[in-house]
Amino acid sequence: MRKNIFTLLSALGLIILLGLACKKEDSSGLPGNCGDGLSWTNLVSEEYNDLIEASTAYSTDPSPSNCLNYKNSYTDYLNALNAITACVVGPLREGYEQSVRDAKMEIDQLCQ
């Protein structure tokens, strides 16, 4: 569970770092949903909030249904992160992709 939270926070930290580098008038020409002037954290904020809510519920009541909800929320969040992978350029992309892959492997171990 600690590794899950660390991976999640690392991925979010990377998104925030990269999102702050976006300008209001971004003309990067990157594919995907990158150049619309939004911080990348805005693009995944709904999934992130759902994940935090599910994580809190599971922490206070580790029932099978809360675990499944946590697992599903985590999957949705990682899918949202995958959707913005094209926005990550240069040397940061490899680490970003590896963090998402590692987190996906950890999801498989939840609720067992």
PDB file of N, CA and C in Angstrom:
ATOM      1  N   MET A   1       0.824  -1.185   0.000  1.00  0.00           N
ATOM      2  CA  MET A   1       0.000   0.000   0.000  1.00  0.00           C
ATOM      3  C   MET A   1       0.872   1.255   0.000  1.00  0.00           C
ATOM      4  N   ARG A   2       1.948   1.262   0.778  1.00  0.00           N
ATOM      5  CA  ARG A   2       2.844   2.418   0.802  1.00  0.00           C
ATOM      6  C   ARG A   2       3.482   2.651  -0.556  1.00  0.00           C
ATOM      7  N   LYS A   3       3.870   1.554  -1.217  1.00  0.00           N
ATOM      8  CA  LYS A   3       4.491   1.695  -2.529  1.00  0.00           C
ATOM      9  C   LYS A   3       3.495   2.257  -3.526  1.00  0.00           C
ATOM     10  N   ASN A   4       2.227   1.849  -3.420  1.00  0.00           N
ATOM     11  CA  ASN A   4       1.176   2.372  -4.298  1.00  0.00           C
ATOM     12  C   ASN A   4       1.049   3.881  -4.136  1.00  0.00           C
ATOM     13  N   ILE A   5       0.988   4.310  -2.895  1.00  0.00           N
ATOM     14  CA  ILE A   5       0.824   5.735  -2.629  1.00  0.00           C
ATOM     15  C   ILE A   5       2.057   6.497  -3.103  1.00  0.00           C
ATOM     16  N   PHE A   6       3.251   5.954  -2.871  1.00  0.00           N
ATOM     17  CA  PHE A   6       4.470   6.613  -3.322  1.00  0.00           C
ATOM     18  C   PHE A   6       4.483   6.737  -4.838  1.00  0.00           C
ATOM     19  N   THR A   7       4.128   5.670  -5.541  1.00  0.00           N
ATOM     20  CA  THR A   7       4.107   5.704  -7.003  1.00  0.00           C
ATOM     21  C   THR A   7       3.085   6.711  -7.497  1.00  0.00           C
ATOM     22  N   LEU A   8       1.924   6.700  -6.894  1.00  0.00           N
ATOM     23  CA  LEU A   8       0.874   7.626  -7.278  1.00  0.00           C
ATOM     24  C   LEU A   8       1.315   9.064  -7.067  1.00  0.00           C
ATOM     25  N   LEU A   9       1.870   9.349  -5.904  1.00  0.00           N
ATOM     26  CA  LEU A   9       2.313  10.708  -5.615  1.00  0.00           C
ATOM     27  C   LEU A   9       3.476  11.124  -6.507  1.00  0.00           C
ATOM     28  N   SER A  10       4.337  10.177  -6.846  1.00  0.00           N
ATOM     29  CA  SER A  10       5.437  10.489  -7.756  1.00  0.00           C
ATOM     30  C   SER A  10       4.919  10.868  -9.132  1.00  0.00           C
ATOM     31  N   ALA A  11       3.960  10.081  -9.618  1.00  0.00           N
ATOM     32  CA  ALA A  11       3.374  10.373 -10.930  1.00  0.00           C
ATOM     33  C   ALA A  11       2.662  11.718 -10.904  1.00  0.00           C
ATOM     34  N   LEU A  12       1.908  11.984  -9.840  1.00  0.00           N
ATOM     35  CA  LEU A  12       1.216  13.256  -9.735  1.00  0.00           C
ATOM     36  C   LEU A  12       2.214  14.404  -9.643  1.00  0.00           C
ATOM     37  N   GLY A  13       3.277  14.229  -8.869  1.00  0.00           N
ATOM     38  CA  GLY A  13       4.293  15.267  -8.762  1.00  0.00           C
ATOM     39  C   GLY A  13       4.912  15.589 -10.107  1.00  0.00           C
ATOM     40  N   LEU A  14       5.150  14.566 -10.903  1.00  0.00           N
ATOM     41  CA  LEU A  14       5.697  14.777 -12.231  1.00  0.00           C
ATOM     42  C   LEU A  14       4.718  15.547 -13.100  1.00  0.00           C
ATOM     43  N   ILE A  15       3.447  15.213 -12.994  1.00  0.00           N
ATOM     44  CA  ILE A  15       2.430  15.924 -13.774  1.00  0.00           C
ATOM     45  C   ILE A  15       2.363  17.383 -13.359  1.00  0.00           C
ATOM     46  N   ILE A  16       2.386  17.632 -12.061  1.00  0.00           N
ATOM     47  CA  ILE A  16       2.332  19.007 -11.580  1.00  0.00           C
ATOM     48  C   ILE A  16       3.544  19.785 -12.067  1.00  0.00           C
ATOM     49  N   LEU A  17       4.714  19.186 -11.950  1.00  0.00           N
ATOM     50  CA  LEU A  17       5.934  19.845 -12.407  1.00  0.00           C
ATOM     51  C   LEU A  17       5.845  20.207 -13.877  1.00  0.00           C
ATOM     52  N   LEU A  18       5.430  19.257 -14.670  1.00  0.00           N
ATOM     53  CA  LEU A  18       5.329  19.501 -16.099  1.00  0.00           C
ATOM     54  C   LEU A  18       4.170  20.421 -16.436  1.00  0.00           C
ATOM     55  N   GLY A  19       3.099  20.318 -15.684  1.00  0.00           N
ATOM     56  CA  GLY A  19       1.943  21.171 -15.922  1.00  0.00           C
ATOM     57  C   GLY A  19       2.240  22.630 -15.653  1.00  0.00           C
ATOM     58  N   LEU A  20       3.063  22.900 -14.671  1.00  0.00           N
ATOM     59  CA  LEU A  20       3.415  24.277 -14.372  1.00  0.00           C
ATOM     60  C   LEU A  20       4.246  24.912 -15.483  1.00  0.00           C
ATOM     61  N   ALA A  21       4.875  24.083 -16.275  1.00  0.00           N
ATOM     62  CA  ALA A  21       5.688  24.602 -17.367  1.00  0.00           C
ATOM     63  C   ALA A  21       4.840  25.032 -18.556  1.00  0.00           C
ATOM     64  N   CYS A  22       3.555  24.663 -18.570  1.00  0.00           N
ATOM     65  CA  CYS A  22       2.673  25.036 -19.681  1.00  0.00           C
ATOM     66  C   CYS A  22       2.351  26.514 -19.616  1.00  0.00           C
ATOM     67  N   LYS A  23       2.345  27.143 -20.762  1.00  0.00           N
ATOM     68  CA  LYS A  23       1.961  28.536 -20.863  1.00  0.00           C
ATOM     69  C   LYS A  23       0.475  28.607 -21.169  1.00  0.00           C
ATOM     70  N   LYS A  24      -0.121  29.736 -20.900  1.00  0.00           N
ATOM     71  CA  LYS A  24      -1.535  29.928 -21.198  1.00  0.00           C
ATOM     72  C   LYS A  24      -1.783  29.771 -22.693  1.00  0.00           C
ATOM     73  N   GLU A  25      -0.912  30.294 -23.498  1.00  0.00           N
ATOM     74  CA  GLU A  25      -0.997  30.203 -24.953  1.00  0.00           C
ATOM     75  C   GLU A  25       0.039  29.204 -25.432  1.00  0.00           C
ATOM     76  N   ASP A  26      -0.174  27.946 -25.193  1.00  0.00           N
ATOM     77  CA  ASP A  26       0.782  26.902 -25.543  1.00  0.00           C
ATOM     78  C   ASP A  26       0.699  26.585 -27.027  1.00  0.00           C
ATOM     79  N   SER A  27       1.790  26.762 -27.715  1.00  0.00           N
ATOM     80  CA  SER A  27       1.822  26.448 -29.145  1.00  0.00           C
ATOM     81  C   SER A  27       2.812  25.316 -29.394  1.00  0.00           C
ATOM     82  N   SER A  28       2.818  24.350 -28.484  1.00  0.00           N
ATOM     83  CA  SER A  28       3.795  23.267 -28.560  1.00  0.00           C
ATOM     84  C   SER A  28       3.590  22.378 -29.768  1.00  0.00           C
ATOM     85  N   GLY A  29       2.363  22.265 -30.241  1.00  0.00           N
ATOM     86  CA  GLY A  29       2.092  21.388 -31.368  1.00  0.00           C
ATOM     87  C   GLY A  29       2.143  19.919 -31.005  1.00  0.00           C
ATOM     88  N   LEU A  30       2.159  19.595 -29.711  1.00  0.00           N
ATOM     89  CA  LEU A  30       2.202  18.205 -29.286  1.00  0.00           C
ATOM     90  C   LEU A  30       0.870  17.535 -29.586  1.00  0.00           C
ATOM     91  N   PRO A  31       0.903  16.235 -29.898  1.00  0.00           N
ATOM     92  CA  PRO A  31      -0.356  15.537 -30.150  1.00  0.00           C
ATOM     93  C   PRO A  31      -1.145  15.361 -28.858  1.00  0.00           C
ATOM     94  N   GLY A  32      -2.414  15.128 -28.982  1.00  0.00           N
ATOM     95  CA  GLY A  32      -3.236  14.882 -27.798  1.00  0.00           C
ATOM     96  C   GLY A  32      -3.746  16.164 -27.187  1.00  0.00           C
ATOM     97  N   ASN A  33      -4.136  16.079 -25.954  1.00  0.00           N
ATOM     98  CA  ASN A  33      -4.756  17.190 -25.245  1.00  0.00           C
ATOM     99  C   ASN A  33      -3.696  17.954 -24.461  1.00  0.00           C
ATOM    100  N   CYS A  34      -2.720  18.528 -25.144  1.00  0.00           N
ATOM    101  CA  CYS A  34      -1.605  19.199 -24.475  1.00  0.00           C
ATOM    102  C   CYS A  34      -1.604  20.707 -24.673  1.00  0.00           C
ATOM    103  N   GLY A  35      -1.970  21.159 -25.826  1.00  0.00           N
ATOM    104  CA  GLY A  35      -1.763  22.557 -26.170  1.00  0.00           C
ATOM    105  C   GLY A  35      -2.965  23.440 -25.984  1.00  0.00           C
ATOM    106  N   ASP A  36      -3.868  23.089 -25.069  1.00  0.00           N
ATOM    107  CA  ASP A  36      -5.059  23.904 -24.906  1.00  0.00           C
ATOM    108  C   ASP A  36      -4.950  24.914 -23.768  1.00  0.00           C
ATOM    109  N   GLY A  37      -3.785  25.053 -23.202  1.00  0.00           N
ATOM    110  CA  GLY A  37      -3.565  26.055 -22.165  1.00  0.00           C
ATOM    111  C   GLY A  37      -3.914  25.594 -20.758  1.00  0.00           C
ATOM    112  N   LEU A  38      -4.436  24.395 -20.611  1.00  0.00           N
ATOM    113  CA  LEU A  38      -4.758  23.881 -19.286  1.00  0.00           C
ATOM    114  C   LEU A  38      -3.525  23.266 -18.642  1.00  0.00           C
ATOM    115  N   SER A  39      -3.443  23.383 -17.343  1.00  0.00           N
ATOM    116  CA  SER A  39      -2.429  22.623 -16.618  1.00  0.00           C
ATOM    117  C   SER A  39      -2.811  21.159 -16.723  1.00  0.00           C
ATOM    118  N   TRP A  40      -1.844  20.303 -16.860  1.00  0.00           N
ATOM    119  CA  TRP A  40      -2.130  18.878 -17.022  1.00  0.00           C
ATOM    120  C   TRP A  40      -2.848  18.311 -15.812  1.00  0.00           C
ATOM    121  N   THR A  41      -2.635  18.900 -14.654  1.00  0.00           N
ATOM    122  CA  THR A  41      -3.342  18.420 -13.466  1.00  0.00           C
ATOM    123  C   THR A  41      -4.846  18.601 -13.630  1.00  0.00           C
ATOM    124  N   ASN A  42      -5.261  19.613 -14.356  1.00  0.00           N
ATOM    125  CA  ASN A  42      -6.689  19.803 -14.615  1.00  0.00           C
ATOM    126  C   ASN A  42      -7.244  18.674 -15.464  1.00  0.00           C
ATOM    127  N   LEU A  43      -6.425  18.114 -16.326  1.00  0.00           N
ATOM    128  CA  LEU A  43      -6.882  17.068 -17.236  1.00  0.00           C
ATOM    129  C   LEU A  43      -7.154  15.752 -16.509  1.00  0.00           C
ATOM    130  N   VAL A  44      -6.548  15.546 -15.364  1.00  0.00           N
ATOM    131  CA  VAL A  44      -6.736  14.301 -14.613  1.00  0.00           C
ATOM    132  C   VAL A  44      -7.303  14.551 -13.216  1.00  0.00           C
ATOM    133  N   SER A  45      -7.762  15.752 -12.948  1.00  0.00           N
ATOM    134  CA  SER A  45      -8.192  16.095 -11.584  1.00  0.00           C
ATOM    135  C   SER A  45      -9.412  15.297 -11.136  1.00  0.00           C
ATOM    136  N   GLU A  46     -10.358  15.042 -12.020  1.00  0.00           N
ATOM    137  CA  GLU A  46     -11.542  14.268 -11.621  1.00  0.00           C
ATOM    138  C   GLU A  46     -11.150  12.853 -11.204  1.00  0.00           C
ATOM    139  N   GLU A  47     -10.301  12.220 -11.994  1.00  0.00           N
ATOM    140  CA  GLU A  47      -9.850  10.869 -11.670  1.00  0.00           C
ATOM    141  C   GLU A  47      -9.010  10.862 -10.398  1.00  0.00           C
ATOM    142  N   TYR A  48      -8.179  11.878 -10.240  1.00  0.00           N
ATOM    143  CA  TYR A  48      -7.353  11.978  -9.041  1.00  0.00           C
ATOM    144  C   TYR A  48      -8.227  12.136  -7.795  1.00  0.00           C
ATOM    145  N   ASN A  49      -9.216  13.014  -7.857  1.00  0.00           N
ATOM    146  CA  ASN A  49     -10.106  13.215  -6.709  1.00  0.00           C
ATOM    147  C   ASN A  49     -10.873  11.941  -6.378  1.00  0.00           C
ATOM    148  N   ASP A  50     -11.334  11.233  -7.403  1.00  0.00           N
ATOM    149  CA  ASP A  50     -12.020   9.956  -7.173  1.00  0.00           C
ATOM    150  C   ASP A  50     -11.090   8.949  -6.507  1.00  0.00           C
ATOM    151  N   LEU A  51      -9.828   8.932  -6.932  1.00  0.00           N
ATOM    152  CA  LEU A  51      -8.852   8.020  -6.351  1.00  0.00           C
ATOM    153  C   LEU A  51      -8.593   8.350  -4.882  1.00  0.00           C
ATOM    154  N   ILE A  52      -8.447   9.607  -4.559  1.00  0.00           N
ATOM    155  CA  ILE A  52      -8.209  10.013  -3.168  1.00  0.00           C
ATOM    156  C   ILE A  52      -9.404   9.621  -2.299  1.00  0.00           C
ATOM    157  N   GLU A  53     -10.600   9.845  -2.809  1.00  0.00           N
ATOM    158  CA  GLU A  53     -11.811   9.482  -2.068  1.00  0.00           C
ATOM    159  C   GLU A  53     -11.885   7.969  -1.836  1.00  0.00           C
ATOM    160  N   ALA A  54     -11.599   7.197  -2.875  1.00  0.00           N
ATOM    161  CA  ALA A  54     -11.634   5.735  -2.756  1.00  0.00           C
ATOM    162  C   ALA A  54     -10.537   5.234  -1.824  1.00  0.00           C
ATOM    163  N   SER A  55      -9.378   5.848  -1.896  1.00  0.00           N
ATOM    164  CA  SER A  55      -8.259   5.465  -1.028  1.00  0.00           C
ATOM    165  C   SER A  55      -8.610   5.726   0.436  1.00  0.00           C
ATOM    166  N   THR A  56      -9.215   6.854   0.707  1.00  0.00           N
ATOM    167  CA  THR A  56      -9.620   7.197   2.071  1.00  0.00           C
ATOM    168  C   THR A  56     -10.660   6.215   2.596  1.00  0.00           C
ATOM    169  N   ALA A  57     -11.637   5.897   1.750  1.00  0.00           N
ATOM    170  CA  ALA A  57     -12.675   4.945   2.158  1.00  0.00           C
ATOM    171  C   ALA A  57     -12.074   3.573   2.452  1.00  0.00           C
ATOM    172  N   TYR A  58     -11.165   3.139   1.608  1.00  0.00           N
ATOM    173  CA  TYR A  58     -10.533   1.836   1.798  1.00  0.00           C
ATOM    174  C   TYR A  58      -9.641   1.820   3.036  1.00  0.00           C
ATOM    175  N   SER A  59      -8.982   2.938   3.312  1.00  0.00           N
ATOM    176  CA  SER A  59      -8.121   3.021   4.505  1.00  0.00           C
ATOM    177  C   SER A  59      -8.932   2.924   5.793  1.00  0.00           C
ATOM    178  N   THR A  60     -10.115   3.507   5.801  1.00  0.00           N
ATOM    179  CA  THR A  60     -10.933   3.484   7.008  1.00  0.00           C
ATOM    180  C   THR A  60     -11.767   2.209   7.119  1.00  0.00           C
ATOM    181  N   ASP A  61     -12.077   1.586   5.968  1.00  0.00           N
ATOM    182  CA  ASP A  61     -12.860   0.351   5.970  1.00  0.00           C
ATOM    183  C   ASP A  61     -12.359  -0.542   4.837  1.00  0.00           C
ATOM    184  N   PRO A  62     -11.379  -1.413   5.131  1.00  0.00           N
ATOM    185  CA  PRO A  62     -10.781  -2.241   4.073  1.00  0.00           C
ATOM    186  C   PRO A  62     -11.676  -3.431   3.652  1.00  0.00           C
ATOM    187  N   SER A  63     -12.917  -3.119   3.331  1.00  0.00           N
ATOM    188  CA  SER A  63     -13.850  -4.157   2.884  1.00  0.00           C
ATOM    189  C   SER A  63     -13.574  -4.517   1.430  1.00  0.00           C
ATOM    190  N   PRO A  64     -14.032  -5.675   0.991  1.00  0.00           N
ATOM    191  CA  PRO A  64     -13.835  -6.057  -0.412  1.00  0.00           C
ATOM    192  C   PRO A  64     -14.438  -5.056  -1.401  1.00  0.00           C
ATOM    193  N   SER A  65     -15.597  -4.499  -1.077  1.00  0.00           N
ATOM    194  CA  SER A  65     -16.202  -3.533  -2.007  1.00  0.00           C
ATOM    195  C   SER A  65     -15.397  -2.237  -2.066  1.00  0.00           C
ATOM    196  N   ASN A  66     -14.868  -1.768  -0.922  1.00  0.00           N
ATOM    197  CA  ASN A  66     -14.026  -0.566  -0.936  1.00  0.00           C
ATOM    198  C   ASN A  66     -12.707  -0.825  -1.652  1.00  0.00           C
ATOM    199  N   CYS A  67     -12.187  -2.035  -1.518  1.00  0.00           N
ATOM    200  CA  CYS A  67     -10.952  -2.367  -2.222  1.00  0.00           C
ATOM    201  C   CYS A  67     -11.185  -2.355  -3.728  1.00  0.00           C
ATOM    202  N   LEU A  68     -12.297  -2.933  -4.162  1.00  0.00           N
ATOM    203  CA  LEU A  68     -12.613  -2.951  -5.589  1.00  0.00           C
ATOM    204  C   LEU A  68     -12.821  -1.536  -6.122  1.00  0.00           C
ATOM    205  N   ASN A  69     -13.476  -0.696  -5.336  1.00  0.00           N
ATOM    206  CA  ASN A  69     -13.663   0.699  -5.739  1.00  0.00           C
ATOM    207  C   ASN A  69     -12.324   1.420  -5.831  1.00  0.00           C
ATOM    208  N   TYR A  70     -11.441   1.164  -4.856  1.00  0.00           N
ATOM    209  CA  TYR A  70     -10.099   1.748  -4.876  1.00  0.00           C
ATOM    210  C   TYR A  70      -9.328   1.283  -6.113  1.00  0.00           C
ATOM    211  N   LYS A  71      -9.393  -0.002  -6.394  1.00  0.00           N
ATOM    212  CA  LYS A  71      -8.698  -0.566  -7.558  1.00  0.00           C
ATOM    213  C   LYS A  71      -9.221   0.046  -8.857  1.00  0.00           C
ATOM    214  N   ASN A  72     -10.531   0.167  -8.972  1.00  0.00           N
ATOM    215  CA  ASN A  72     -11.127   0.744 -10.179  1.00  0.00           C
ATOM    216  C   ASN A  72     -10.777   2.222 -10.330  1.00  0.00           C
ATOM    217  N   SER A  73     -10.783   2.950  -9.225  1.00  0.00           N
ATOM    218  CA  SER A  73     -10.413   4.371  -9.266  1.00  0.00           C
ATOM    219  C   SER A  73      -8.955   4.548  -9.652  1.00  0.00           C
ATOM    220  N   TYR A  74      -8.112   3.678  -9.140  1.00  0.00           N
ATOM    221  CA  TYR A  74      -6.683   3.721  -9.465  1.00  0.00           C
ATOM    222  C   TYR A  74      -6.481   3.437 -10.954  1.00  0.00           C
ATOM    223  N   THR A  75      -7.204   2.467 -11.473  1.00  0.00           N
ATOM    224  CA  THR A  75      -7.120   2.134 -12.902  1.00  0.00           C
ATOM    225  C   THR A  75      -7.575   3.314 -13.757  1.00  0.00           C
ATOM    226  N   ASP A  76      -8.680   3.947 -13.367  1.00  0.00           N
ATOM    227  CA  ASP A  76      -9.179   5.107 -14.107  1.00  0.00           C
ATOM    228  C   ASP A  76      -8.151   6.238 -14.111  1.00  0.00           C
ATOM    229  N   TYR A  77      -7.509   6.452 -12.963  1.00  0.00           N
ATOM    230  CA  TYR A  77      -6.502   7.507 -12.861  1.00  0.00           C
ATOM    231  C   TYR A  77      -5.312   7.218 -13.775  1.00  0.00           C
ATOM    232  N   LEU A  78      -4.854   5.973 -13.774  1.00  0.00           N
ATOM    233  CA  LEU A  78      -3.722   5.626 -14.636  1.00  0.00           C
ATOM    234  C   LEU A  78      -4.099   5.707 -16.113  1.00  0.00           C
ATOM    235  N   ASN A  79      -5.326   5.371 -16.439  1.00  0.00           N
ATOM    236  CA  ASN A  79      -5.781   5.533 -17.825  1.00  0.00           C
ATOM    237  C   ASN A  79      -5.781   7.010 -18.229  1.00  0.00           C
ATOM    238  N   ALA A  80      -6.174   7.873 -17.294  1.00  0.00           N
ATOM    239  CA  ALA A  80      -6.140   9.310 -17.567  1.00  0.00           C
ATOM    240  C   ALA A  80      -4.700   9.786 -17.752  1.00  0.00           C
ATOM    241  N   LEU A  81      -3.777   9.246 -16.943  1.00  0.00           N
ATOM    242  CA  LEU A  81      -2.366   9.603 -17.117  1.00  0.00           C
ATOM    243  C   LEU A  81      -1.841   9.117 -18.464  1.00  0.00           C
ATOM    244  N   ASN A  82      -2.277   7.933 -18.879  1.00  0.00           N
ATOM    245  CA  ASN A  82      -1.868   7.427 -20.194  1.00  0.00           C
ATOM    246  C   ASN A  82      -2.341   8.333 -21.312  1.00  0.00           C
ATOM    247  N   ALA A  83      -3.509   8.930 -21.133  1.00  0.00           N
ATOM    248  CA  ALA A  83      -4.077   9.788 -22.169  1.00  0.00           C
ATOM    249  C   ALA A  83      -3.245  11.046 -22.402  1.00  0.00           C
ATOM    250  N   ILE A  84      -2.445  11.426 -21.418  1.00  0.00           N
ATOM    251  CA  ILE A  84      -1.624  12.632 -21.591  1.00  0.00           C
ATOM    252  C   ILE A  84      -0.136  12.305 -21.753  1.00  0.00           C
ATOM    253  N   THR A  85       0.185  11.045 -21.990  1.00  0.00           N
ATOM    254  CA  THR A  85       1.588  10.653 -22.157  1.00  0.00           C
ATOM    255  C   THR A  85       2.258  11.423 -23.286  1.00  0.00           C
ATOM    256  N   ALA A  86       1.523  11.708 -24.344  1.00  0.00           N
ATOM    257  CA  ALA A  86       2.107  12.436 -25.473  1.00  0.00           C
ATOM    258  C   ALA A  86       2.576  13.829 -25.078  1.00  0.00           C
ATOM    259  N   CYS A  87       2.071  14.344 -23.970  1.00  0.00           N
ATOM    260  CA  CYS A  87       2.458  15.677 -23.506  1.00  0.00           C
ATOM    261  C   CYS A  87       3.830  15.684 -22.847  1.00  0.00           C
ATOM    262  N   VAL A  88       4.284  14.520 -22.427  1.00  0.00           N
ATOM    263  CA  VAL A  88       5.576  14.417 -21.742  1.00  0.00           C
ATOM    264  C   VAL A  88       6.655  14.199 -22.802  1.00  0.00           C
ATOM    265  N   VAL A  89       7.568  15.122 -22.885  1.00  0.00           N
ATOM    266  CA  VAL A  89       8.593  15.052 -23.925  1.00  0.00           C
ATOM    267  C   VAL A  89       9.978  14.957 -23.306  1.00  0.00           C
ATOM    268  N   GLY A  90      10.902  14.620 -24.137  1.00  0.00           N
ATOM    269  CA  GLY A  90      12.296  14.603 -23.720  1.00  0.00           C
ATOM    270  C   GLY A  90      12.615  13.496 -22.739  1.00  0.00           C
ATOM    271  N   PRO A  91      13.625  13.726 -21.915  1.00  0.00           N
ATOM    272  CA  PRO A  91      14.108  12.683 -21.008  1.00  0.00           C
ATOM    273  C   PRO A  91      13.122  12.321 -19.900  1.00  0.00           C
ATOM    274  N   LEU A  92      12.122  13.140 -19.646  1.00  0.00           N
ATOM    275  CA  LEU A  92      11.156  12.845 -18.594  1.00  0.00           C
ATOM    276  C   LEU A  92      10.168  11.754 -18.990  1.00  0.00           C
ATOM    277  N   ARG A  93       9.984  11.553 -20.283  1.00  0.00           N
ATOM    278  CA  ARG A  93       8.959  10.628 -20.752  1.00  0.00           C
ATOM    279  C   ARG A  93       9.222   9.188 -20.308  1.00  0.00           C
ATOM    280  N   GLU A  94      10.463   8.751 -20.388  1.00  0.00           N
ATOM    281  CA  GLU A  94      10.777   7.371 -20.013  1.00  0.00           C
ATOM    282  C   GLU A  94      10.422   7.104 -18.550  1.00  0.00           C
ATOM    283  N   GLY A  95      10.810   8.006 -17.670  1.00  0.00           N
ATOM    284  CA  GLY A  95      10.490   7.849 -16.253  1.00  0.00           C
ATOM    285  C   GLY A  95       8.998   7.905 -15.990  1.00  0.00           C
ATOM    286  N   TYR A  96       8.315   8.771 -16.695  1.00  0.00           N
ATOM    287  CA  TYR A  96       6.862   8.896 -16.565  1.00  0.00           C
ATOM    288  C   TYR A  96       6.180   7.590 -16.960  1.00  0.00           C
ATOM    289  N   GLU A  97       6.555   7.072 -18.124  1.00  0.00           N
ATOM    290  CA  GLU A  97       5.955   5.824 -18.609  1.00  0.00           C
ATOM    291  C   GLU A  97       6.266   4.660 -17.675  1.00  0.00           C
ATOM    292  N   GLN A  98       7.492   4.623 -17.138  1.00  0.00           N
ATOM    293  CA  GLN A  98       7.862   3.550 -16.220  1.00  0.00           C
ATOM    294  C   GLN A  98       7.054   3.633 -14.929  1.00  0.00           C
ATOM    295  N   SER A  99       6.829   4.830 -14.428  1.00  0.00           N
ATOM    296  CA  SER A  99       6.030   5.001 -13.215  1.00  0.00           C
ATOM    297  C   SER A  99       4.605   4.498 -13.422  1.00  0.00           C
ATOM    298  N   VAL A 100       4.029   4.795 -14.576  1.00  0.00           N
ATOM    299  CA  VAL A 100       2.671   4.339 -14.872  1.00  0.00           C
ATOM    300  C   VAL A 100       2.654   2.809 -14.999  1.00  0.00           C
ATOM    301  N   ARG A 101       3.652   2.244 -15.670  1.00  0.00           N
ATOM    302  CA  ARG A 101       3.722   0.774 -15.799  1.00  0.00           C
ATOM    303  C   ARG A 101       3.850   0.107 -14.432  1.00  0.00           C
ATOM    304  N   ASP A 102       4.719   0.650 -13.582  1.00  0.00           N
ATOM    305  CA  ASP A 102       4.904   0.090 -12.238  1.00  0.00           C
ATOM    306  C   ASP A 102       3.610   0.143 -11.440  1.00  0.00           C
ATOM    307  N   ALA A 103       2.918   1.256 -11.538  1.00  0.00           N
ATOM    308  CA  ALA A 103       1.662   1.399 -10.803  1.00  0.00           C
ATOM    309  C   ALA A 103       0.621   0.405 -11.311  1.00  0.00           C
ATOM    310  N   LYS A 104       0.582   0.167 -12.619  1.00  0.00           N
ATOM    311  CA  LYS A 104      -0.365  -0.808 -13.171  1.00  0.00           C
ATOM    312  C   LYS A 104      -0.078  -2.212 -12.640  1.00  0.00           C
ATOM    313  N   MET A 105       1.181  -2.547 -12.486  1.00  0.00           N
ATOM    314  CA  MET A 105       1.522  -3.862 -11.930  1.00  0.00           C
ATOM    315  C   MET A 105       1.080  -3.954 -10.472  1.00  0.00           C
ATOM    316  N   GLU A 106       1.179  -2.864  -9.739  1.00  0.00           N
ATOM    317  CA  GLU A 106       0.761  -2.854  -8.345  1.00  0.00           C
ATOM    318  C   GLU A 106      -0.749  -3.005  -8.220  1.00  0.00           C
ATOM    319  N   ILE A 107      -1.490  -2.461  -9.158  1.00  0.00           N
ATOM    320  CA  ILE A 107      -2.947  -2.588  -9.137  1.00  0.00           C
ATOM    321  C   ILE A 107      -3.358  -4.037  -9.158  1.00  0.00           C
ATOM    322  N   ASP A 108      -2.645  -4.831  -9.951  1.00  0.00           N
ATOM    323  CA  ASP A 108      -2.966  -6.250 -10.063  1.00  0.00           C
ATOM    324  C   ASP A 108      -2.863  -6.974  -8.728  1.00  0.00           C
ATOM    325  N   GLN A 109      -2.083  -6.439  -7.804  1.00  0.00           N
ATOM    326  CA  GLN A 109      -1.892  -7.086  -6.504  1.00  0.00           C
ATOM    327  C   GLN A 109      -2.892  -6.619  -5.452  1.00  0.00           C
ATOM    328  N   LEU A 110      -3.701  -5.623  -5.787  1.00  0.00           N
ATOM    329  CA  LEU A 110      -4.708  -5.145  -4.839  1.00  0.00           C
ATOM    330  C   LEU A 110      -5.846  -6.141  -4.712  1.00  0.00           C
ATOM    331  N   CYS A 111      -6.450  -6.172  -3.575  1.00  0.00           N
ATOM    332  CA  CYS A 111      -7.665  -6.962  -3.295  1.00  0.00           C
ATOM    333  C   CYS A 111      -7.427  -8.464  -3.407  1.00  0.00           C
ATOM    334  N   GLN A 112      -6.254  -8.916  -3.097  1.00  0.00           N
ATOM    335  CA  GLN A 112      -5.985 -10.363  -3.169  1.00  0.00           C
ATOM    336  C   GLN A 112      -5.972 -10.965  -1.795  1.00  0.00           C
TER     337      GLN A 112
END
